[in-house]
C-alpha atoms as a PDB file:
ATOM      1  CA  UNK A   1     -15.378 -28.086-160.028  1.00  0.00           C
ATOM      2  CA  UNK A   2     -13.495 -30.310-157.642  1.00  0.00           C
ATOM      3  CA  UNK A   3     -10.267 -28.548-158.653  1.00  0.00           C
ATOM      4  CA  UNK A   4     -11.839 -25.148-158.020  1.00  0.00           C
ATOM      5  CA  UNK A   5     -12.962 -26.265-154.538  1.00  0.00           C
ATOM      6  CA  UNK A   6      -9.441 -27.514-153.786  1.00  0.00           C
ATOM      7  CA  UNK A   7      -8.033 -24.177-154.921  1.00  0.00           C
ATOM      8  CA  UNK A   8     -10.520 -22.294-152.711  1.00  0.00           C
ATOM      9  CA  UNK A   9      -9.523 -24.289-149.601  1.00  0.00           C
ATOM     10  CA  UNK A  10      -5.854 -23.275-149.716  1.00  0.00           C
ATOM     11  CA  UNK A  11      -6.891 -19.665-150.273  1.00  0.00           C
ATOM     12  CA  UNK A  12      -9.233 -19.872-147.288  1.00  0.00           C
ATOM     13  CA  UNK A  13      -6.372 -21.344-145.252  1.00  0.00           C
ATOM     14  CA  UNK A  14      -4.083 -18.516-146.329  1.00  0.00           C
ATOM     15  CA  UNK A  15      -6.544 -15.823-145.229  1.00  0.00           C
ATOM     16  CA  UNK A  16      -6.208 -16.503-141.456  1.00  0.00           C
ATOM     17  CA  UNK A  17      -2.416 -16.590-141.811  1.00  0.00           C
ATOM     18  CA  UNK A  18      -2.536 -13.243-143.539  1.00  0.00           C
ATOM     19  CA  UNK A  19      -4.610 -11.846-140.644  1.00  0.00           C
ATOM     20  CA  UNK A  20      -1.618 -11.316-138.369  1.00  0.00           C
ATOM     21  CA  UNK A  21      -2.359  -7.615-137.763  1.00  0.00           C
ATOM     22  CA  UNK A  22      -4.646  -8.553-134.815  1.00  0.00           C
ATOM     23  CA  UNK A  23      -1.485  -9.807-133.067  1.00  0.00           C
ATOM     24  CA  UNK A  24       0.069  -6.443-133.768  1.00  0.00           C
ATOM     25  CA  UNK A  25      -3.019  -4.863-132.180  1.00  0.00           C
ATOM     26  CA  UNK A  26      -2.481  -6.963-129.043  1.00  0.00           C
ATOM     27  CA  UNK A  27       0.960  -5.432-128.573  1.00  0.00           C
ATOM     28  CA  UNK A  28      -0.449  -1.913-128.086  1.00  0.00           C
ATOM     29  CA  UNK A  29      -2.912  -3.381-125.544  1.00  0.00           C
ATOM     30  CA  UNK A  30       0.038  -4.743-123.593  1.00  0.00           C
ATOM     31  CA  UNK A  31       1.581  -1.280-123.673  1.00  0.00           C
ATOM     32  CA  UNK A  32      -1.670   0.134-122.296  1.00  0.00           C
ATOM     33  CA  UNK A  33      -1.505  -2.438-119.504  1.00  0.00           C
ATOM     34  CA  UNK A  34       2.069  -1.314-118.738  1.00  0.00           C
ATOM     35  CA  UNK A  35       0.887   2.290-118.639  1.00  0.00           C
ATOM     36  CA  UNK A  36      -1.929   1.273-116.285  1.00  0.00           C
ATOM     37  CA  UNK A  37       0.579  -0.450-113.977  1.00  0.00           C
ATOM     38  CA  UNK A  38       2.806   2.612-113.670  1.00  0.00           C
ATOM     39  CA  UNK A  39       0.201   4.766-111.865  1.00  0.00           C
ATOM     40  CA  UNK A  40      -0.496   1.867-109.479  1.00  0.00           C
ATOM     41  CA  UNK A  41       3.200   1.741-108.590  1.00  0.00           C
ATOM     42  CA  UNK A  42       3.177   5.487-108.118  1.00  0.00           C
ATOM     43  CA  UNK A  43       0.214   5.177-105.716  1.00  0.00           C
ATOM     44  CA  UNK A  44       2.037   2.531-103.714  1.00  0.00           C
ATOM     45  CA  UNK A  45       5.020   4.828-103.479  1.00  0.00           C
ATOM     46  CA  UNK A  46       2.797   7.710-102.313  1.00  0.00           C
ATOM     47  CA  UNK A  47       1.067   5.749 -99.519  1.00  0.00           C
ATOM     48  CA  UNK A  48       4.228   5.027 -97.459  1.00  0.00           C
ATOM     49  CA  UNK A  49       5.332   8.634 -97.963  1.00  0.00           C
ATOM     50  CA  UNK A  50       2.019   9.911 -96.564  1.00  0.00           C
ATOM     51  CA  UNK A  51       1.925   7.515 -93.580  1.00  0.00           C
ATOM     52  CA  UNK A  52       5.103   8.763 -91.810  1.00  0.00           C
ATOM     53  CA  UNK A  53       3.785  12.320 -92.057  1.00  0.00           C
ATOM     54  CA  UNK A  54       0.691  11.306 -90.066  1.00  0.00           C
ATOM     55  CA  UNK A  55       2.713   9.471 -87.398  1.00  0.00           C
ATOM     56  CA  UNK A  56       5.759  11.714 -87.194  1.00  0.00           C
ATOM     57  CA  UNK A  57       6.584  10.854 -83.585  1.00  0.00           C
ATOM     58  CA  UNK A  58       7.142   7.090 -84.104  1.00  0.00           C
ATOM     59  CA  UNK A  59       9.161   7.745 -87.260  1.00  0.00           C
ATOM     60  CA  UNK A  60      11.518  10.098 -85.442  1.00  0.00           C
ATOM     61  CA  UNK A  61      12.076   7.609 -82.657  1.00  0.00           C
ATOM     62  CA  UNK A  62      13.373   4.540 -84.483  1.00  0.00           C
ATOM     63  CA  UNK A  63      14.559   2.870 -87.629  1.00  0.00           C
ATOM     64  CA  UNK A  64      12.593   1.761 -90.694  1.00  0.00           C
ATOM     65  CA  UNK A  65      11.349  -1.527 -89.136  1.00  0.00           C
ATOM     66  CA  UNK A  66       9.991   0.418 -86.180  1.00  0.00           C
ATOM     67  CA  UNK A  67       8.004   2.607 -88.574  1.00  0.00           C
ATOM     68  CA  UNK A  68       6.461  -0.485 -90.156  1.00  0.00           C
ATOM     69  CA  UNK A  69       5.502  -1.791 -86.731  1.00  0.00           C
ATOM     70  CA  UNK A  70       3.993   1.523 -85.794  1.00  0.00           C
ATOM     71  CA  UNK A  71       1.887   1.521 -88.962  1.00  0.00           C
ATOM     72  CA  UNK A  72       0.672  -1.982 -88.194  1.00  0.00           C
ATOM     73  CA  UNK A  73      -0.303  -0.920 -84.663  1.00  0.00           C
ATOM     74  CA  UNK A  74      -2.167   2.139 -85.886  1.00  0.00           C
ATOM     75  CA  UNK A  75      -4.348  -0.149 -88.019  1.00  0.00           C
ATOM     76  CA  UNK A  76      -5.265  -2.181 -84.919  1.00  0.00           C
ATOM     77  CA  UNK A  77      -6.746   0.765 -82.992  1.00  0.00           C
ATOM     78  CA  UNK A  78     -10.220  -0.185 -81.745  1.00  0.00           C
ATOM     79  CA  UNK A  79     -12.985   2.141 -82.878  1.00  0.00           C
ATOM     80  CA  UNK A  80     -10.583   4.791 -84.136  1.00  0.00           C
ATOM     81  CA  UNK A  81      -9.673   5.783 -80.572  1.00  0.00           C
ATOM     82  CA  UNK A  82      -6.644   8.109 -80.361  1.00  0.00           C
ATOM     83  CA  UNK A  83      -4.957   8.977 -77.056  1.00  0.00           C
ATOM     84  CA  UNK A  84      -2.124  11.502 -77.632  1.00  0.00           C
ATOM     85  CA  UNK A  85      -1.419  12.114 -73.909  1.00  0.00           C
ATOM     86  CA  UNK A  86      -1.600   9.537 -71.126  1.00  0.00           C
ATOM     87  CA  UNK A  87      -0.183   8.135 -67.900  1.00  0.00           C
ATOM     88  CA  UNK A  88       2.206   5.171 -67.629  1.00  0.00           C
ATOM     89  CA  UNK A  89       2.259   3.278 -64.329  1.00  0.00           C
ATOM     90  CA  UNK A  90       5.364   1.171 -63.620  1.00  0.00           C
ATOM     91  CA  UNK A  91       4.967  -1.184 -60.670  1.00  0.00           C
ATOM     92  CA  UNK A  92       8.336  -2.741 -59.872  1.00  0.00           C
ATOM     93  CA  UNK A  93       8.135  -5.181 -56.978  1.00  0.00           C
ATOM     94  CA  UNK A  94      10.755  -7.665 -55.815  1.00  0.00           C
ATOM     95  CA  UNK A  95       8.997 -10.442 -57.729  1.00  0.00           C
ATOM     96  CA  UNK A  96       7.535  -8.867 -60.887  1.00  0.00           C
ATOM     97  CA  UNK A  97       7.257  -5.736 -63.042  1.00  0.00           C
ATOM     98  CA  UNK A  98       3.892  -4.548 -64.382  1.00  0.00           C
ATOM     99  CA  UNK A  99       3.517  -1.622 -66.803  1.00  0.00           C
ATOM    100  CA  UNK A 100       0.058  -0.145 -67.406  1.00  0.00           C
ATOM    101  CA  UNK A 101      -0.700   2.650 -69.886  1.00  0.00           C
ATOM    102  CA  UNK A 102      -3.875   4.692 -69.342  1.00  0.00           C
ATOM    103  CA  UNK A 103      -5.484   7.813 -70.730  1.00  0.00           C
ATOM    104  CA  UNK A 104      -5.711  10.922 -68.555  1.00  0.00           C
ATOM    105  CA  UNK A 105      -8.957   9.681 -66.963  1.00  0.00           C
ATOM    106  CA  UNK A 106      -7.358   6.380 -65.912  1.00  0.00           C
ATOM    107  CA  UNK A 107      -8.920   4.035 -68.478  1.00  0.00           C
ATOM    108  CA  UNK A 108      -6.399   1.337 -69.439  1.00  0.00           C
ATOM    109  CA  UNK A 109      -5.355   1.275 -73.106  1.00  0.00           C
ATOM    110  CA  UNK A 110      -2.341  -1.078 -72.885  1.00  0.00           C
ATOM    111  CA  UNK A 111      -0.526  -3.206 -70.328  1.00  0.00           C
ATOM    112  CA  UNK A 112       2.167  -5.802 -69.992  1.00  0.00           C
ATOM    113  CA  UNK A 113       3.940  -7.791 -67.296  1.00  0.00           C
ATOM    114  CA  UNK A 114       7.035  -9.958 -66.996  1.00  0.00           C
ATOM    115  CA  UNK A 115       4.922 -13.117 -66.846  1.00  0.00           C
ATOM    116  CA  UNK A 116       3.107 -12.106 -70.034  1.00  0.00           C
ATOM    117  CA  UNK A 117       6.500 -11.647 -71.743  1.00  0.00           C
ATOM    118  CA  UNK A 118       7.403 -15.309 -71.006  1.00  0.00           C
ATOM    119  CA  UNK A 119       9.691 -14.643 -68.013  1.00  0.00           C
ATOM    120  CA  UNK A 120       9.400 -17.218 -65.231  1.00  0.00           C
ATOM    121  CA  UNK A 121      10.649 -17.512 -61.676  1.00  0.00           C
ATOM    122  CA  UNK A 122      13.425 -15.205 -60.520  1.00  0.00           C
ATOM    123  CA  UNK A 123      13.898 -13.796 -64.046  1.00  0.00           C
ATOM    124  CA  UNK A 124      10.666 -11.818 -63.720  1.00  0.00           C
ATOM    125  CA  UNK A 125      12.244  -9.432 -61.209  1.00  0.00           C
ATOM    126  CA  UNK A 126      15.288  -8.523 -63.334  1.00  0.00           C
ATOM    127  CA  UNK A 127      15.974  -5.169 -64.967  1.00  0.00           C
ATOM    128  CA  UNK A 128      16.035  -6.808 -68.408  1.00  0.00           C
ATOM    129  CA  UNK A 129      12.513  -8.179 -67.896  1.00  0.00           C
ATOM    130  CA  UNK A 130      11.357  -4.665 -66.966  1.00  0.00           C
ATOM    131  CA  UNK A 131      12.878  -3.318 -70.206  1.00  0.00           C
ATOM    132  CA  UNK A 132      11.063  -5.892 -72.336  1.00  0.00           C
ATOM    133  CA  UNK A 133       7.786  -5.295 -70.483  1.00  0.00           C
ATOM    134  CA  UNK A 134       8.001  -1.513 -70.948  1.00  0.00           C
ATOM    135  CA  UNK A 135       8.844  -1.906 -74.664  1.00  0.00           C
ATOM    136  CA  UNK A 136       5.819  -4.126 -75.291  1.00  0.00           C
ATOM    137  CA  UNK A 137       3.405  -1.858 -73.423  1.00  0.00           C
ATOM    138  CA  UNK A 138       4.824   1.232 -75.164  1.00  0.00           C
ATOM    139  CA  UNK A 139       4.415  -0.322 -78.630  1.00  0.00           C
ATOM    140  CA  UNK A 140       0.762  -1.033 -77.884  1.00  0.00           C
ATOM    141  CA  UNK A 141       0.286   2.521 -76.620  1.00  0.00           C
ATOM    142  CA  UNK A 142       1.946   4.058 -79.694  1.00  0.00           C
ATOM    143  CA  UNK A 143      -0.689   2.200 -81.714  1.00  0.00           C
ATOM    144  CA  UNK A 144      -3.288   4.349 -79.961  1.00  0.00           C
ATOM    145  CA  UNK A 145      -1.384   7.501 -80.938  1.00  0.00           C
ATOM    146  CA  UNK A 146       0.294   8.067 -77.561  1.00  0.00           C
ATOM    147  CA  UNK A 147       3.080  10.656 -77.910  1.00  0.00           C
ATOM    148  CA  UNK A 148       3.470  12.162 -74.451  1.00  0.00           C
ATOM    149  CA  UNK A 149       3.033  10.549 -71.056  1.00  0.00           C
ATOM    150  CA  UNK A 150       3.485  11.086 -67.362  1.00  0.00           C
ATOM    151  CA  UNK A 151       5.325   8.204 -65.677  1.00  0.00           C
ATOM    152  CA  UNK A 152       4.355   7.086 -62.179  1.00  0.00           C
ATOM    153  CA  UNK A 153       6.705   4.590 -60.562  1.00  0.00           C
ATOM    154  CA  UNK A 154       5.766   2.399 -57.612  1.00  0.00           C
ATOM    155  CA  UNK A 155       7.773  -0.160 -55.661  1.00  0.00           C
ATOM    156  CA  UNK A 156      11.396  -0.960 -54.827  1.00  0.00           C
ATOM    157  CA  UNK A 157      12.154  -3.391 -57.698  1.00  0.00           C
ATOM    158  CA  UNK A 158      15.211  -3.486 -59.967  1.00  0.00           C
ATOM    159  CA  UNK A 159      13.273  -2.490 -63.089  1.00  0.00           C
ATOM    160  CA  UNK A 160      12.380   1.091 -62.191  1.00  0.00           C
ATOM    161  CA  UNK A 161      15.017   2.952 -64.223  1.00  0.00           C
ATOM    162  CA  UNK A 162      15.309   0.447 -67.068  1.00  0.00           C
ATOM    163  CA  UNK A 163      11.547   0.605 -67.675  1.00  0.00           C
ATOM    164  CA  UNK A 164      11.691   4.405 -67.990  1.00  0.00           C
ATOM    165  CA  UNK A 165      14.584   4.167 -70.468  1.00  0.00           C
ATOM    166  CA  UNK A 166      12.628   1.654 -72.561  1.00  0.00           C
ATOM    167  CA  UNK A 167       9.589   3.968 -72.660  1.00  0.00           C
ATOM    168  CA  UNK A 168      11.766   6.829 -73.937  1.00  0.00           C
ATOM    169  CA  UNK A 169      13.360   4.548 -76.560  1.00  0.00           C
ATOM    170  CA  UNK A 170       9.882   3.594 -77.852  1.00  0.00           C
ATOM    171  CA  UNK A 171       9.312   7.213 -78.934  1.00  0.00           C
ATOM    172  CA  UNK A 172       7.114   8.442 -76.089  1.00  0.00           C
ATOM    173  CA  UNK A 173       8.031  11.815 -74.617  1.00  0.00           C
ATOM    174  CA  UNK A 174       8.068  11.749 -70.810  1.00  0.00           C
ATOM    175  CA  UNK A 175       6.633  14.939 -69.302  1.00  0.00           C
ATOM    176  CA  UNK A 176       7.236  14.033 -65.644  1.00  0.00           C
ATOM    177  CA  UNK A 177       8.353  11.165 -63.427  1.00  0.00           C
ATOM    178  CA  UNK A 178       6.619  10.746 -60.067  1.00  0.00           C
ATOM    179  CA  UNK A 179       7.331   8.156 -57.364  1.00  0.00           C
ATOM    180  CA  UNK A 180       4.011   6.977 -55.904  1.00  0.00           C
ATOM    181  CA  UNK A 181       5.405   4.277 -53.601  1.00  0.00           C
ATOM    182  CA  UNK A 182       3.249   4.232 -50.450  1.00  0.00           C
ATOM    183  CA  UNK A 183       5.259   5.306 -47.397  1.00  0.00           C
ATOM    184  CA  UNK A 184       3.910   4.857 -43.842  1.00  0.00           C
ATOM    185  CA  UNK A 185       4.039   8.128 -41.880  1.00  0.00           C
ATOM    186  CA  UNK A 186       3.417   6.692 -38.439  1.00  0.00           C
ATOM    187  CA  UNK A 187       3.328   3.018 -39.248  1.00  0.00           C
ATOM    188  CA  UNK A 188       0.698   0.434 -38.474  1.00  0.00           C
ATOM    189  CA  UNK A 189      -1.122   0.283 -35.169  1.00  0.00           C
ATOM    190  CA  UNK A 190       1.112  -1.571 -32.722  1.00  0.00           C
ATOM    191  CA  UNK A 191      -0.152  -4.821 -31.157  1.00  0.00           C
ATOM    192  CA  UNK A 192      -1.882  -4.528 -27.802  1.00  0.00           C
ATOM    193  CA  UNK A 193       0.175  -4.951 -24.672  1.00  0.00           C
ATOM    194  CA  UNK A 194       1.060  -8.512 -23.689  1.00  0.00           C
ATOM    195  CA  UNK A 195      -0.635  -9.854 -20.575  1.00  0.00           C
ATOM    196  CA  UNK A 196       1.561 -11.891 -18.263  1.00  0.00           C
END
């Protein structure tokens, strides 16, 4: 009987070794997993293709990195607010340049200034600072879906023209440019006559 038990043990040990077909069954499962991955890749490929169609204006304006930035900005829109047409105010003084983007009612949606863009001292009044300021404000505005804007320029600073060029380069169509610099018609009231 002891010999029979010893003979049964090797047979029992051989049975699990003979059961290798379950490993063969695992291979088709791996194939199913590969098939499941392929549609996921196809979905990922479809999403970027659909996004440029929704934001056609930013895509036409720049290169591929600009499209990625535009997509990121669109995600950051607060409350799903979309402003396709707006007004861009460029205030170029001798000391600073401030760009404010508003909707048609005048509610601010984006803004930037030379100080906010890390320019200090006399560098804030340069044309390059105005370009950087206008680019930053325009990128924020494109995130709200801004495509067309009216530009209103105020002040005698060096950044007037460069700011307008930067707005155009950001993919915003400029419908009109208006100079709103205040001009005195008759000047201030003169001081009263000196008594001698």
